[in-house]
Amino acid sequence: MQTAVLSHVAQLNAWSDGTKPWSFLGYEESVKKAMQFRIEILPYLYTAFAQYHYQGTPVYSGHVPRRWGESETDQYLLGDDILVAPIFAGTKSRMVRLPAGNWYDYETGETCGVIVRLLR
């Protein structure tokens, strides 16, 4: 669900087999929270895609580790200001390499340290 809401089309391919994420007991709130996050960042996404259209600035920058010289190969930038670091099934937390600058937890507004949980 988290991956879907951060993609450019936010599409879930679960309609025909009945495995919609919100149909599993205990996950309704997590799915709702992820979908609300998508709605909250729509103006940001609109701006990022407008910058891509008019200036050629990539919306998704998948070469974050090479640019920063670090080893995390699955984190990427969404626009200029959202760092995405997927948390895969069975994982509760992960290491995230933050580039130089001020980074904040989206939910709390607090300054982030080295370990960040996105879309808890």
PDB file of N, CA and C in Angstrom:
ATOM      1  N   MET A   1       0.824  -1.189   0.000  1.00  0.00           N
ATOM      2  CA  MET A   1       0.000   0.000   0.000  1.00  0.00           C
ATOM      3  C   MET A   1       0.869   1.255   0.000  1.00  0.00           C
ATOM      4  N   GLN A   2       1.932   1.216   0.829  1.00  0.00           N
ATOM      5  CA  GLN A   2       2.826   2.367   0.890  1.00  0.00           C
ATOM      6  C   GLN A   2       3.483   2.621  -0.460  1.00  0.00           C
ATOM      7  N   THR A   3       3.894   1.574  -1.114  1.00  0.00           N
ATOM      8  CA  THR A   3       4.514   1.718  -2.429  1.00  0.00           C
ATOM      9  C   THR A   3       3.528   2.307  -3.421  1.00  0.00           C
ATOM     10  N   ALA A   4       2.287   1.859  -3.368  1.00  0.00           N
ATOM     11  CA  ALA A   4       1.275   2.352  -4.304  1.00  0.00           C
ATOM     12  C   ALA A   4       1.004   3.838  -4.121  1.00  0.00           C
ATOM     13  N   VAL A   5       0.861   4.305  -2.885  1.00  0.00           N
ATOM     14  CA  VAL A   5       0.515   5.710  -2.678  1.00  0.00           C
ATOM     15  C   VAL A   5       1.668   6.650  -3.026  1.00  0.00           C
ATOM     16  N   LEU A   6       2.873   6.128  -3.108  1.00  0.00           N
ATOM     17  CA  LEU A   6       4.017   6.962  -3.466  1.00  0.00           C
ATOM     18  C   LEU A   6       4.405   6.836  -4.932  1.00  0.00           C
ATOM     19  N   SER A   7       3.671   6.028  -5.673  1.00  0.00           N
ATOM     20  CA  SER A   7       3.948   5.923  -7.106  1.00  0.00           C
ATOM     21  C   SER A   7       3.196   7.025  -7.848  1.00  0.00           C
ATOM     22  N   HIS A   8       3.521   7.217  -9.096  1.00  0.00           N
ATOM     23  CA  HIS A   8       2.908   8.315  -9.844  1.00  0.00           C
ATOM     24  C   HIS A   8       1.427   8.099 -10.126  1.00  0.00           C
ATOM     25  N   VAL A   9       0.957   6.872 -10.214  1.00  0.00           N
ATOM     26  CA  VAL A   9      -0.460   6.633 -10.496  1.00  0.00           C
ATOM     27  C   VAL A   9      -1.243   6.126  -9.293  1.00  0.00           C
ATOM     28  N   ALA A  10      -0.582   5.729  -8.228  1.00  0.00           N
ATOM     29  CA  ALA A  10      -1.235   5.215  -7.016  1.00  0.00           C
ATOM     30  C   ALA A  10      -2.252   4.136  -7.342  1.00  0.00           C
ATOM     31  N   GLN A  11      -1.827   3.134  -8.079  1.00  0.00           N
ATOM     32  CA  GLN A  11      -2.730   2.076  -8.530  1.00  0.00           C
ATOM     33  C   GLN A  11      -2.472   0.774  -7.775  1.00  0.00           C
ATOM     34  N   LEU A  12      -3.546   0.170  -7.291  1.00  0.00           N
ATOM     35  CA  LEU A  12      -3.471  -1.146  -6.661  1.00  0.00           C
ATOM     36  C   LEU A  12      -4.032  -2.169  -7.631  1.00  0.00           C
ATOM     37  N   ASN A  13      -3.285  -3.197  -7.919  1.00  0.00           N
ATOM     38  CA  ASN A  13      -3.763  -4.258  -8.810  1.00  0.00           C
ATOM     39  C   ASN A  13      -4.263  -5.439  -7.984  1.00  0.00           C
ATOM     40  N   ALA A  14      -5.360  -5.218  -7.258  1.00  0.00           N
ATOM     41  CA  ALA A  14      -5.892  -6.255  -6.382  1.00  0.00           C
ATOM     42  C   ALA A  14      -7.403  -6.383  -6.517  1.00  0.00           C
ATOM     43  N   TRP A  15      -7.959  -5.901  -7.601  1.00  0.00           N
ATOM     44  CA  TRP A  15      -9.412  -5.839  -7.705  1.00  0.00           C
ATOM     45  C   TRP A  15     -10.048  -7.164  -8.067  1.00  0.00           C
ATOM     46  N   SER A  16      -9.428  -7.972  -8.869  1.00  0.00           N
ATOM     47  CA  SER A  16     -10.090  -9.180  -9.357  1.00  0.00           C
ATOM     48  C   SER A  16      -9.987 -10.370  -8.412  1.00  0.00           C
ATOM     49  N   ASP A  17      -8.953 -10.412  -7.575  1.00  0.00           N
ATOM     50  CA  ASP A  17      -8.785 -11.609  -6.742  1.00  0.00           C
ATOM     51  C   ASP A  17      -9.297 -11.451  -5.311  1.00  0.00           C
ATOM     52  N   GLY A  18      -9.839 -10.306  -4.956  1.00  0.00           N
ATOM     53  CA  GLY A  18     -10.439 -10.117  -3.640  1.00  0.00           C
ATOM     54  C   GLY A  18      -9.446  -9.852  -2.519  1.00  0.00           C
ATOM     55  N   THR A  19      -8.199  -9.564  -2.839  1.00  0.00           N
ATOM     56  CA  THR A  19      -7.201  -9.324  -1.789  1.00  0.00           C
ATOM     57  C   THR A  19      -6.910  -7.836  -1.634  1.00  0.00           C
ATOM     58  N   LYS A  20      -7.945  -7.068  -1.503  1.00  0.00           N
ATOM     59  CA  LYS A  20      -7.767  -5.633  -1.285  1.00  0.00           C
ATOM     60  C   LYS A  20      -7.145  -5.420   0.099  1.00  0.00           C
ATOM     61  N   PRO A  21      -6.141  -4.562   0.209  1.00  0.00           N
ATOM     62  CA  PRO A  21      -5.446  -4.400   1.495  1.00  0.00           C
ATOM     63  C   PRO A  21      -6.360  -4.068   2.663  1.00  0.00           C
ATOM     64  N   TRP A  22      -7.400  -3.286   2.436  1.00  0.00           N
ATOM     65  CA  TRP A  22      -8.281  -2.882   3.528  1.00  0.00           C
ATOM     66  C   TRP A  22      -9.253  -3.974   3.951  1.00  0.00           C
ATOM     67  N   SER A  23      -9.264  -5.101   3.260  1.00  0.00           N
ATOM     68  CA  SER A  23     -10.175  -6.177   3.631  1.00  0.00           C
ATOM     69  C   SER A  23      -9.569  -7.119   4.675  1.00  0.00           C
ATOM     70  N   PHE A  24      -8.320  -6.957   5.029  1.00  0.00           N
ATOM     71  CA  PHE A  24      -7.693  -7.792   6.052  1.00  0.00           C
ATOM     72  C   PHE A  24      -7.873  -7.145   7.413  1.00  0.00           C
ATOM     73  N   LEU A  25      -8.384  -7.917   8.366  1.00  0.00           N
ATOM     74  CA  LEU A  25      -8.615  -7.399   9.711  1.00  0.00           C
ATOM     75  C   LEU A  25      -7.314  -6.876  10.311  1.00  0.00           C
ATOM     76  N   GLY A  26      -7.398  -5.711  10.931  1.00  0.00           N
ATOM     77  CA  GLY A  26      -6.248  -5.130  11.593  1.00  0.00           C
ATOM     78  C   GLY A  26      -5.439  -4.182  10.722  1.00  0.00           C
ATOM     79  N   TYR A  27      -5.717  -4.134   9.429  1.00  0.00           N
ATOM     80  CA  TYR A  27      -4.947  -3.273   8.532  1.00  0.00           C
ATOM     81  C   TYR A  27      -5.751  -2.074   8.024  1.00  0.00           C
ATOM     82  N   GLU A  28      -7.008  -1.990   8.414  1.00  0.00           N
ATOM     83  CA  GLU A  28      -7.855  -0.923   7.888  1.00  0.00           C
ATOM     84  C   GLU A  28      -7.280   0.462   8.170  1.00  0.00           C
ATOM     85  N   GLU A  29      -6.838   0.702   9.398  1.00  0.00           N
ATOM     86  CA  GLU A  29      -6.323   2.020   9.772  1.00  0.00           C
ATOM     87  C   GLU A  29      -5.020   2.345   9.055  1.00  0.00           C
ATOM     88  N   SER A  30      -4.152   1.347   8.896  1.00  0.00           N
ATOM     89  CA  SER A  30      -2.885   1.578   8.188  1.00  0.00           C
ATOM     90  C   SER A  30      -3.138   1.956   6.738  1.00  0.00           C
ATOM     91  N   VAL A  31      -4.087   1.265   6.109  1.00  0.00           N
ATOM     92  CA  VAL A  31      -4.419   1.551   4.712  1.00  0.00           C
ATOM     93  C   VAL A  31      -5.038   2.942   4.604  1.00  0.00           C
ATOM     94  N   LYS A  32      -5.943   3.256   5.514  1.00  0.00           N
ATOM     95  CA  LYS A  32      -6.582   4.576   5.516  1.00  0.00           C
ATOM     96  C   LYS A  32      -5.545   5.675   5.698  1.00  0.00           C
ATOM     97  N   LYS A  33      -4.599   5.462   6.596  1.00  0.00           N
ATOM     98  CA  LYS A  33      -3.556   6.447   6.857  1.00  0.00           C
ATOM     99  C   LYS A  33      -2.673   6.652   5.621  1.00  0.00           C
ATOM    100  N   ALA A  34      -2.327   5.570   4.945  1.00  0.00           N
ATOM    101  CA  ALA A  34      -1.512   5.667   3.731  1.00  0.00           C
ATOM    102  C   ALA A  34      -2.256   6.433   2.640  1.00  0.00           C
ATOM    103  N   MET A  35      -3.551   6.155   2.498  1.00  0.00           N
ATOM    104  CA  MET A  35      -4.338   6.849   1.477  1.00  0.00           C
ATOM    105  C   MET A  35      -4.515   8.331   1.826  1.00  0.00           C
ATOM    106  N   GLN A  36      -4.667   8.639   3.100  1.00  0.00           N
ATOM    107  CA  GLN A  36      -4.768  10.042   3.518  1.00  0.00           C
ATOM    108  C   GLN A  36      -3.451  10.774   3.261  1.00  0.00           C
ATOM    109  N   PHE A  37      -2.337  10.084   3.469  1.00  0.00           N
ATOM    110  CA  PHE A  37      -1.031  10.676   3.176  1.00  0.00           C
ATOM    111  C   PHE A  37      -0.949  11.062   1.704  1.00  0.00           C
ATOM    112  N   ARG A  38      -1.414  10.177   0.830  1.00  0.00           N
ATOM    113  CA  ARG A  38      -1.400  10.476  -0.610  1.00  0.00           C
ATOM    114  C   ARG A  38      -2.191  11.756  -0.904  1.00  0.00           C
ATOM    115  N   ILE A  39      -3.364  11.868  -0.313  1.00  0.00           N
ATOM    116  CA  ILE A  39      -4.190  13.059  -0.520  1.00  0.00           C
ATOM    117  C   ILE A  39      -3.464  14.311  -0.008  1.00  0.00           C
ATOM    118  N   GLU A  40      -2.802  14.198   1.132  1.00  0.00           N
ATOM    119  CA  GLU A  40      -2.100  15.345   1.711  1.00  0.00           C
ATOM    120  C   GLU A  40      -0.953  15.832   0.828  1.00  0.00           C
ATOM    121  N   ILE A  41      -0.285  14.923   0.126  1.00  0.00           N
ATOM    122  CA  ILE A  41       0.869  15.336  -0.673  1.00  0.00           C
ATOM    123  C   ILE A  41       0.517  15.634  -2.132  1.00  0.00           C
ATOM    124  N   LEU A  42      -0.757  15.593  -2.490  1.00  0.00           N
ATOM    125  CA  LEU A  42      -1.130  15.884  -3.878  1.00  0.00           C
ATOM    126  C   LEU A  42      -0.629  17.246  -4.365  1.00  0.00           C
ATOM    127  N   PRO A  43      -0.742  18.327  -3.597  1.00  0.00           N
ATOM    128  CA  PRO A  43      -0.186  19.600  -4.086  1.00  0.00           C
ATOM    129  C   PRO A  43       1.329  19.514  -4.320  1.00  0.00           C
ATOM    130  N   TYR A  44       2.031  18.796  -3.462  1.00  0.00           N
ATOM    131  CA  TYR A  44       3.469  18.588  -3.622  1.00  0.00           C
ATOM    132  C   TYR A  44       3.753  17.823  -4.912  1.00  0.00           C
ATOM    133  N   LEU A  45       2.984  16.758  -5.160  1.00  0.00           N
ATOM    134  CA  LEU A  45       3.167  15.976  -6.384  1.00  0.00           C
ATOM    135  C   LEU A  45       2.851  16.808  -7.624  1.00  0.00           C
ATOM    136  N   TYR A  46       1.812  17.598  -7.557  1.00  0.00           N
ATOM    137  CA  TYR A  46       1.461  18.471  -8.675  1.00  0.00           C
ATOM    138  C   TYR A  46       2.633  19.386  -9.012  1.00  0.00           C
ATOM    139  N   THR A  47       3.223  19.979  -7.978  1.00  0.00           N
ATOM    140  CA  THR A  47       4.368  20.869  -8.179  1.00  0.00           C
ATOM    141  C   THR A  47       5.557  20.112  -8.752  1.00  0.00           C
ATOM    142  N   ALA A  48       5.833  18.915  -8.223  1.00  0.00           N
ATOM    143  CA  ALA A  48       6.966  18.116  -8.712  1.00  0.00           C
ATOM    144  C   ALA A  48       6.782  17.754 -10.185  1.00  0.00           C
ATOM    145  N   PHE A  49       5.571  17.390 -10.590  1.00  0.00           N
ATOM    146  CA  PHE A  49       5.327  17.056 -11.993  1.00  0.00           C
ATOM    147  C   PHE A  49       5.350  18.299 -12.882  1.00  0.00           C
ATOM    148  N   ALA A  50       4.934  19.443 -12.356  1.00  0.00           N
ATOM    149  CA  ALA A  50       5.030  20.692 -13.118  1.00  0.00           C
ATOM    150  C   ALA A  50       6.496  21.061 -13.331  1.00  0.00           C
ATOM    151  N   GLN A  51       7.323  20.881 -12.307  1.00  0.00           N
ATOM    152  CA  GLN A  51       8.759  21.151 -12.457  1.00  0.00           C
ATOM    153  C   GLN A  51       9.370  20.216 -13.496  1.00  0.00           C
ATOM    154  N   TYR A  52       8.919  18.970 -13.509  1.00  0.00           N
ATOM    155  CA  TYR A  52       9.407  18.033 -14.521  1.00  0.00           C
ATOM    156  C   TYR A  52       9.007  18.500 -15.926  1.00  0.00           C
ATOM    157  N   HIS A  53       7.754  18.903 -16.063  1.00  0.00           N
ATOM    158  CA  HIS A  53       7.249  19.334 -17.368  1.00  0.00           C
ATOM    159  C   HIS A  53       7.979  20.583 -17.878  1.00  0.00           C
ATOM    160  N   TYR A  54       8.123  21.573 -17.012  1.00  0.00           N
ATOM    161  CA  TYR A  54       8.668  22.848 -17.456  1.00  0.00           C
ATOM    162  C   TYR A  54      10.190  22.953 -17.372  1.00  0.00           C
ATOM    163  N   GLN A  55      10.799  22.223 -16.430  1.00  0.00           N
ATOM    164  CA  GLN A  55      12.237  22.372 -16.214  1.00  0.00           C
ATOM    165  C   GLN A  55      13.033  21.089 -16.441  1.00  0.00           C
ATOM    166  N   GLY A  56      12.334  19.956 -16.584  1.00  0.00           N
ATOM    167  CA  GLY A  56      13.024  18.690 -16.779  1.00  0.00           C
ATOM    168  C   GLY A  56      13.574  18.068 -15.509  1.00  0.00           C
ATOM    169  N   THR A  57      13.191  18.605 -14.350  1.00  0.00           N
ATOM    170  CA  THR A  57      13.641  18.059 -13.071  1.00  0.00           C
ATOM    171  C   THR A  57      12.915  16.742 -12.796  1.00  0.00           C
ATOM    172  N   PRO A  58      13.641  15.641 -12.570  1.00  0.00           N
ATOM    173  CA  PRO A  58      12.971  14.353 -12.339  1.00  0.00           C
ATOM    174  C   PRO A  58      12.089  14.368 -11.089  1.00  0.00           C
ATOM    175  N   VAL A  59      10.942  13.736 -11.189  1.00  0.00           N
ATOM    176  CA  VAL A  59      10.048  13.606 -10.040  1.00  0.00           C
ATOM    177  C   VAL A  59      10.608  12.567  -9.076  1.00  0.00           C
ATOM    178  N   TYR A  60      11.115  11.471  -9.624  1.00  0.00           N
ATOM    179  CA  TYR A  60      11.706  10.398  -8.830  1.00  0.00           C
ATOM    180  C   TYR A  60      13.190  10.323  -9.146  1.00  0.00           C
ATOM    181  N   SER A  61      14.013  10.393  -8.119  1.00  0.00           N
ATOM    182  CA  SER A  61      15.451  10.294  -8.301  1.00  0.00           C
ATOM    183  C   SER A  61      15.916   8.999  -7.659  1.00  0.00           C
ATOM    184  N   GLY A  62      16.132   7.995  -8.476  1.00  0.00           N
ATOM    185  CA  GLY A  62      16.496   6.669  -7.970  1.00  0.00           C
ATOM    186  C   GLY A  62      17.970   6.472  -7.736  1.00  0.00           C
ATOM    187  N   HIS A  63      18.782   7.489  -7.979  1.00  0.00           N
ATOM    188  CA  HIS A  63      20.222   7.348  -7.812  1.00  0.00           C
ATOM    189  C   HIS A  63      20.720   8.056  -6.563  1.00  0.00           C
ATOM    190  N   VAL A  64      19.914   8.039  -5.533  1.00  0.00           N
ATOM    191  CA  VAL A  64      20.257   8.730  -4.299  1.00  0.00           C
ATOM    192  C   VAL A  64      21.558   8.204  -3.696  1.00  0.00           C
ATOM    193  N   PRO A  65      21.740   6.882  -3.522  1.00  0.00           N
ATOM    194  CA  PRO A  65      22.964   6.409  -2.883  1.00  0.00           C
ATOM    195  C   PRO A  65      24.223   6.806  -3.642  1.00  0.00           C
ATOM    196  N   ARG A  66      24.209   6.714  -4.964  1.00  0.00           N
ATOM    197  CA  ARG A  66      25.396   7.071  -5.736  1.00  0.00           C
ATOM    198  C   ARG A  66      25.723   8.548  -5.536  1.00  0.00           C
ATOM    199  N   ARG A  67      24.682   9.362  -5.517  1.00  0.00           N
ATOM    200  CA  ARG A  67      24.901  10.792  -5.362  1.00  0.00           C
ATOM    201  C   ARG A  67      25.488  11.101  -3.985  1.00  0.00           C
ATOM    202  N   TRP A  68      25.062  10.362  -2.978  1.00  0.00           N
ATOM    203  CA  TRP A  68      25.535  10.616  -1.624  1.00  0.00           C
ATOM    204  C   TRP A  68      26.690   9.709  -1.230  1.00  0.00           C
ATOM    205  N   GLY A  69      27.048   8.760  -2.084  1.00  0.00           N
ATOM    206  CA  GLY A  69      28.157   7.868  -1.799  1.00  0.00           C
ATOM    207  C   GLY A  69      27.853   6.829  -0.745  1.00  0.00           C
ATOM    208  N   GLU A  70      26.599   6.470  -0.574  1.00  0.00           N
ATOM    209  CA  GLU A  70      26.218   5.483   0.444  1.00  0.00           C
ATOM    210  C   GLU A  70      25.728   4.199  -0.205  1.00  0.00           C
ATOM    211  N   SER A  71      25.399   3.207   0.613  1.00  0.00           N
ATOM    212  CA  SER A  71      25.106   1.879   0.086  1.00  0.00           C
ATOM    213  C   SER A  71      23.626   1.520   0.012  1.00  0.00           C
ATOM    214  N   GLU A  72      22.723   2.297   0.569  1.00  0.00           N
ATOM    215  CA  GLU A  72      21.304   1.961   0.507  1.00  0.00           C
ATOM    216  C   GLU A  72      20.821   2.169  -0.928  1.00  0.00           C
ATOM    217  N   THR A  73      20.432   1.085  -1.587  1.00  0.00           N
ATOM    218  CA  THR A  73      20.085   1.175  -3.007  1.00  0.00           C
ATOM    219  C   THR A  73      18.583   1.220  -3.251  1.00  0.00           C
ATOM    220  N   ASP A  74      17.771   1.117  -2.218  1.00  0.00           N
ATOM    221  CA  ASP A  74      16.326   1.101  -2.435  1.00  0.00           C
ATOM    222  C   ASP A  74      15.637   2.371  -1.956  1.00  0.00           C
ATOM    223  N   GLN A  75      16.362   3.346  -1.472  1.00  0.00           N
ATOM    224  CA  GLN A  75      15.730   4.611  -1.092  1.00  0.00           C
ATOM    225  C   GLN A  75      15.862   5.586  -2.254  1.00  0.00           C
ATOM    226  N   TYR A  76      14.915   6.509  -2.325  1.00  0.00           N
ATOM    227  CA  TYR A  76      14.923   7.466  -3.432  1.00  0.00           C
ATOM    228  C   TYR A  76      14.236   8.754  -3.010  1.00  0.00           C
ATOM    229  N   LEU A  77      14.459   9.791  -3.785  1.00  0.00           N
ATOM    230  CA  LEU A  77      13.790  11.061  -3.546  1.00  0.00           C
ATOM    231  C   LEU A  77      12.540  11.161  -4.399  1.00  0.00           C
ATOM    232  N   LEU A  78      11.487  11.649  -3.787  1.00  0.00           N
ATOM    233  CA  LEU A  78      10.253  11.986  -4.488  1.00  0.00           C
ATOM    234  C   LEU A  78      10.216  13.504  -4.497  1.00  0.00           C
ATOM    235  N   GLY A  79      10.438  14.083  -5.680  1.00  0.00           N
ATOM    236  CA  GLY A  79      10.610  15.528  -5.752  1.00  0.00           C
ATOM    237  C   GLY A  79      11.922  15.906  -5.091  1.00  0.00           C
ATOM    238  N   ASP A  80      11.973  17.097  -4.532  1.00  0.00           N
ATOM    239  CA  ASP A  80      13.192  17.567  -3.882  1.00  0.00           C
ATOM    240  C   ASP A  80      13.232  17.296  -2.388  1.00  0.00           C
ATOM    241  N   ASP A  81      12.073  17.058  -1.780  1.00  0.00           N
ATOM    242  CA  ASP A  81      12.012  17.107  -0.318  1.00  0.00           C
ATOM    243  C   ASP A  81      11.461  15.883   0.389  1.00  0.00           C
ATOM    244  N   ILE A  82      11.028  14.860  -0.330  1.00  0.00           N
ATOM    245  CA  ILE A  82      10.521  13.665   0.340  1.00  0.00           C
ATOM    246  C   ILE A  82      11.464  12.511   0.039  1.00  0.00           C
ATOM    247  N   LEU A  83      12.064  11.971   1.089  1.00  0.00           N
ATOM    248  CA  LEU A  83      12.926  10.807   0.965  1.00  0.00           C
ATOM    249  C   LEU A  83      12.089   9.567   1.229  1.00  0.00           C
ATOM    250  N   VAL A  84      12.072   8.644   0.295  1.00  0.00           N
ATOM    251  CA  VAL A  84      11.301   7.416   0.420  1.00  0.00           C
ATOM    252  C   VAL A  84      12.267   6.267   0.663  1.00  0.00           C
ATOM    253  N   ALA A  85      12.018   5.525   1.724  1.00  0.00           N
ATOM    254  CA  ALA A  85      12.831   4.356   2.057  1.00  0.00           C
ATOM    255  C   ALA A  85      11.864   3.227   2.395  1.00  0.00           C
ATOM    256  N   PRO A  86      11.565   2.363   1.433  1.00  0.00           N
ATOM    257  CA  PRO A  86      10.548   1.326   1.646  1.00  0.00           C
ATOM    258  C   PRO A  86      10.870   0.398   2.823  1.00  0.00           C
ATOM    259  N   ILE A  87       9.829   0.037   3.526  1.00  0.00           N
ATOM    260  CA  ILE A  87       9.929  -0.975   4.575  1.00  0.00           C
ATOM    261  C   ILE A  87       9.200  -2.197   4.040  1.00  0.00           C
ATOM    262  N   PHE A  88       9.913  -3.285   3.885  1.00  0.00           N
ATOM    263  CA  PHE A  88       9.353  -4.469   3.249  1.00  0.00           C
ATOM    264  C   PHE A  88       8.684  -5.380   4.258  1.00  0.00           C
ATOM    265  N   ALA A  89       7.865  -6.308   3.776  1.00  0.00           N
ATOM    266  CA  ALA A  89       7.093  -7.225   4.615  1.00  0.00           C
ATOM    267  C   ALA A  89       7.988  -7.889   5.659  1.00  0.00           C
ATOM    268  N   GLY A  90       7.485  -7.909   6.884  1.00  0.00           N
ATOM    269  CA  GLY A  90       8.206  -8.544   7.972  1.00  0.00           C
ATOM    270  C   GLY A  90       9.234  -7.652   8.650  1.00  0.00           C
ATOM    271  N   THR A  91       9.377  -6.419   8.184  1.00  0.00           N
ATOM    272  CA  THR A  91      10.366  -5.497   8.741  1.00  0.00           C
ATOM    273  C   THR A  91       9.644  -4.395   9.505  1.00  0.00           C
ATOM    274  N   LYS A  92      10.143  -4.052  10.679  1.00  0.00           N
ATOM    275  CA  LYS A  92       9.517  -3.009  11.487  1.00  0.00           C
ATOM    276  C   LYS A  92      10.245  -1.676  11.402  1.00  0.00           C
ATOM    277  N   SER A  93      11.535  -1.681  11.059  1.00  0.00           N
ATOM    278  CA  SER A  93      12.301  -0.452  10.926  1.00  0.00           C
ATOM    279  C   SER A  93      13.473  -0.721   9.986  1.00  0.00           C
ATOM    280  N   ARG A  94      14.212   0.335   9.644  1.00  0.00           N
ATOM    281  CA  ARG A  94      15.340   0.183   8.737  1.00  0.00           C
ATOM    282  C   ARG A  94      16.270   1.375   8.861  1.00  0.00           C
ATOM    283  N   MET A  95      17.473   1.223   8.335  1.00  0.00           N
ATOM    284  CA  MET A  95      18.416   2.335   8.277  1.00  0.00           C
ATOM    285  C   MET A  95      18.085   3.185   7.057  1.00  0.00           C
ATOM    286  N   VAL A  96      18.187   4.483   7.243  1.00  0.00           N
ATOM    287  CA  VAL A  96      17.964   5.423   6.153  1.00  0.00           C
ATOM    288  C   VAL A  96      19.124   6.407   6.177  1.00  0.00           C
ATOM    289  N   ARG A  97      19.741   6.608   5.022  1.00  0.00           N
ATOM    290  CA  ARG A  97      20.822   7.588   4.916  1.00  0.00           C
ATOM    291  C   ARG A  97      20.208   8.936   4.544  1.00  0.00           C
ATOM    292  N   LEU A  98      20.323   9.875   5.443  1.00  0.00           N
ATOM    293  CA  LEU A  98      19.795  11.208   5.193  1.00  0.00           C
ATOM    294  C   LEU A  98      20.895  12.080   4.601  1.00  0.00           C
ATOM    295  N   PRO A  99      20.601  12.785   3.526  1.00  0.00           N
ATOM    296  CA  PRO A  99      21.600  13.696   2.972  1.00  0.00           C
ATOM    297  C   PRO A  99      21.785  14.899   3.897  1.00  0.00           C
ATOM    298  N   ALA A 100      22.809  15.664   3.643  1.00  0.00           N
ATOM    299  CA  ALA A 100      23.046  16.865   4.435  1.00  0.00           C
ATOM    300  C   ALA A 100      21.825  17.776   4.360  1.00  0.00           C
ATOM    301  N   GLY A 101      21.541  18.430   5.432  1.00  0.00           N
ATOM    302  CA  GLY A 101      20.391  19.329   5.482  1.00  0.00           C
ATOM    303  C   GLY A 101      19.481  18.991   6.634  1.00  0.00           C
ATOM    304  N   ASN A 102      18.382  19.682   6.716  1.00  0.00           N
ATOM    305  CA  ASN A 102      17.405  19.447   7.779  1.00  0.00           C
ATOM    306  C   ASN A 102      16.314  18.533   7.261  1.00  0.00           C
ATOM    307  N   TRP A 103      16.093  17.418   7.932  1.00  0.00           N
ATOM    308  CA  TRP A 103      15.056  16.458   7.564  1.00  0.00           C
ATOM    309  C   TRP A 103      14.127  16.284   8.754  1.00  0.00           C
ATOM    310  N   TYR A 104      12.821  16.180   8.453  1.00  0.00           N
ATOM    311  CA  TYR A 104      11.814  16.133   9.500  1.00  0.00           C
ATOM    312  C   TYR A 104      10.883  14.952   9.303  1.00  0.00           C
ATOM    313  N   ASP A 105      10.406  14.408  10.422  1.00  0.00           N
ATOM    314  CA  ASP A 105       9.401  13.356  10.382  1.00  0.00           C
ATOM    315  C   ASP A 105       8.102  13.989   9.898  1.00  0.00           C
ATOM    316  N   TYR A 106       7.488  13.414   8.883  1.00  0.00           N
ATOM    317  CA  TYR A 106       6.281  13.995   8.299  1.00  0.00           C
ATOM    318  C   TYR A 106       5.145  14.077   9.314  1.00  0.00           C
ATOM    319  N   GLU A 107       5.014  13.046  10.145  1.00  0.00           N
ATOM    320  CA  GLU A 107       3.886  12.998  11.088  1.00  0.00           C
ATOM    321  C   GLU A 107       4.056  13.915  12.283  1.00  0.00           C
ATOM    322  N   THR A 108       5.275  14.003  12.819  1.00  0.00           N
ATOM    323  CA  THR A 108       5.470  14.745  14.064  1.00  0.00           C
ATOM    324  C   THR A 108       6.090  16.115  13.869  1.00  0.00           C
ATOM    325  N   GLY A 109       6.779  16.320  12.743  1.00  0.00           N
ATOM    326  CA  GLY A 109       7.480  17.573  12.522  1.00  0.00           C
ATOM    327  C   GLY A 109       8.814  17.653  13.245  1.00  0.00           C
ATOM    328  N   GLU A 110       9.179  16.581  13.962  1.00  0.00           N
ATOM    329  CA  GLU A 110      10.441  16.562  14.698  1.00  0.00           C
ATOM    330  C   GLU A 110      11.603  16.281  13.757  1.00  0.00           C
ATOM    331  N   THR A 111      12.778  16.807  14.126  1.00  0.00           N
ATOM    332  CA  THR A 111      13.983  16.544  13.357  1.00  0.00           C
ATOM    333  C   THR A 111      14.284  15.061  13.392  1.00  0.00           C
ATOM    334  N   CYS A 112      14.654  14.506  12.228  1.00  0.00           N
ATOM    335  CA  CYS A 112      14.939  13.075  12.133  1.00  0.00           C
ATOM    336  C   CYS A 112      16.377  12.779  12.471  1.00  0.00           C
ATOM    337  N   GLY A 113      16.563  11.606  13.062  1.00  0.00           N
ATOM    338  CA  GLY A 113      17.907  11.092  13.289  1.00  0.00           C
ATOM    339  C   GLY A 113      18.252  10.175  12.131  1.00  0.00           C
ATOM    340  N   VAL A 114      19.007   9.140  12.403  1.00  0.00           N
ATOM    341  CA  VAL A 114      19.434   8.215  11.350  1.00  0.00           C
ATOM    342  C   VAL A 114      18.344   7.205  11.038  1.00  0.00           C
ATOM    343  N   ILE A 115      17.582   6.774  12.024  1.00  0.00           N
ATOM    344  CA  ILE A 115      16.526   5.790  11.776  1.00  0.00           C
ATOM    345  C   ILE A 115      15.195   6.518  11.663  1.00  0.00           C
ATOM    346  N   VAL A 116      14.491   6.277  10.574  1.00  0.00           N
ATOM    347  CA  VAL A 116      13.225   6.950  10.299  1.00  0.00           C
ATOM    348  C   VAL A 116      12.205   5.902   9.914  1.00  0.00           C
ATOM    349  N   ARG A 117      10.996   6.005  10.444  1.00  0.00           N
ATOM    350  CA  ARG A 117       9.917   5.130  10.002  1.00  0.00           C
ATOM    351  C   ARG A 117       8.959   5.984   9.198  1.00  0.00           C
ATOM    352  N   LEU A 118       8.690   5.615   7.966  1.00  0.00           N
ATOM    353  CA  LEU A 118       7.773   6.365   7.122  1.00  0.00           C
ATOM    354  C   LEU A 118       6.428   5.664   7.072  1.00  0.00           C
ATOM    355  N   LEU A 119       5.371   6.415   7.101  1.00  0.00           N
ATOM    356  CA  LEU A 119       4.009   5.880   7.027  1.00  0.00           C
ATOM    357  C   LEU A 119       3.790   4.761   8.025  1.00  0.00           C
ATOM    358  N   ARG A 120       4.014   5.061   9.276  1.00  0.00           N
ATOM    359  CA  ARG A 120       3.838   4.045  10.326  1.00  0.00           C
ATOM    360  C   ARG A 120       2.445   3.496  10.339  1.00  0.00           C
TER     361      ARG A 120
END
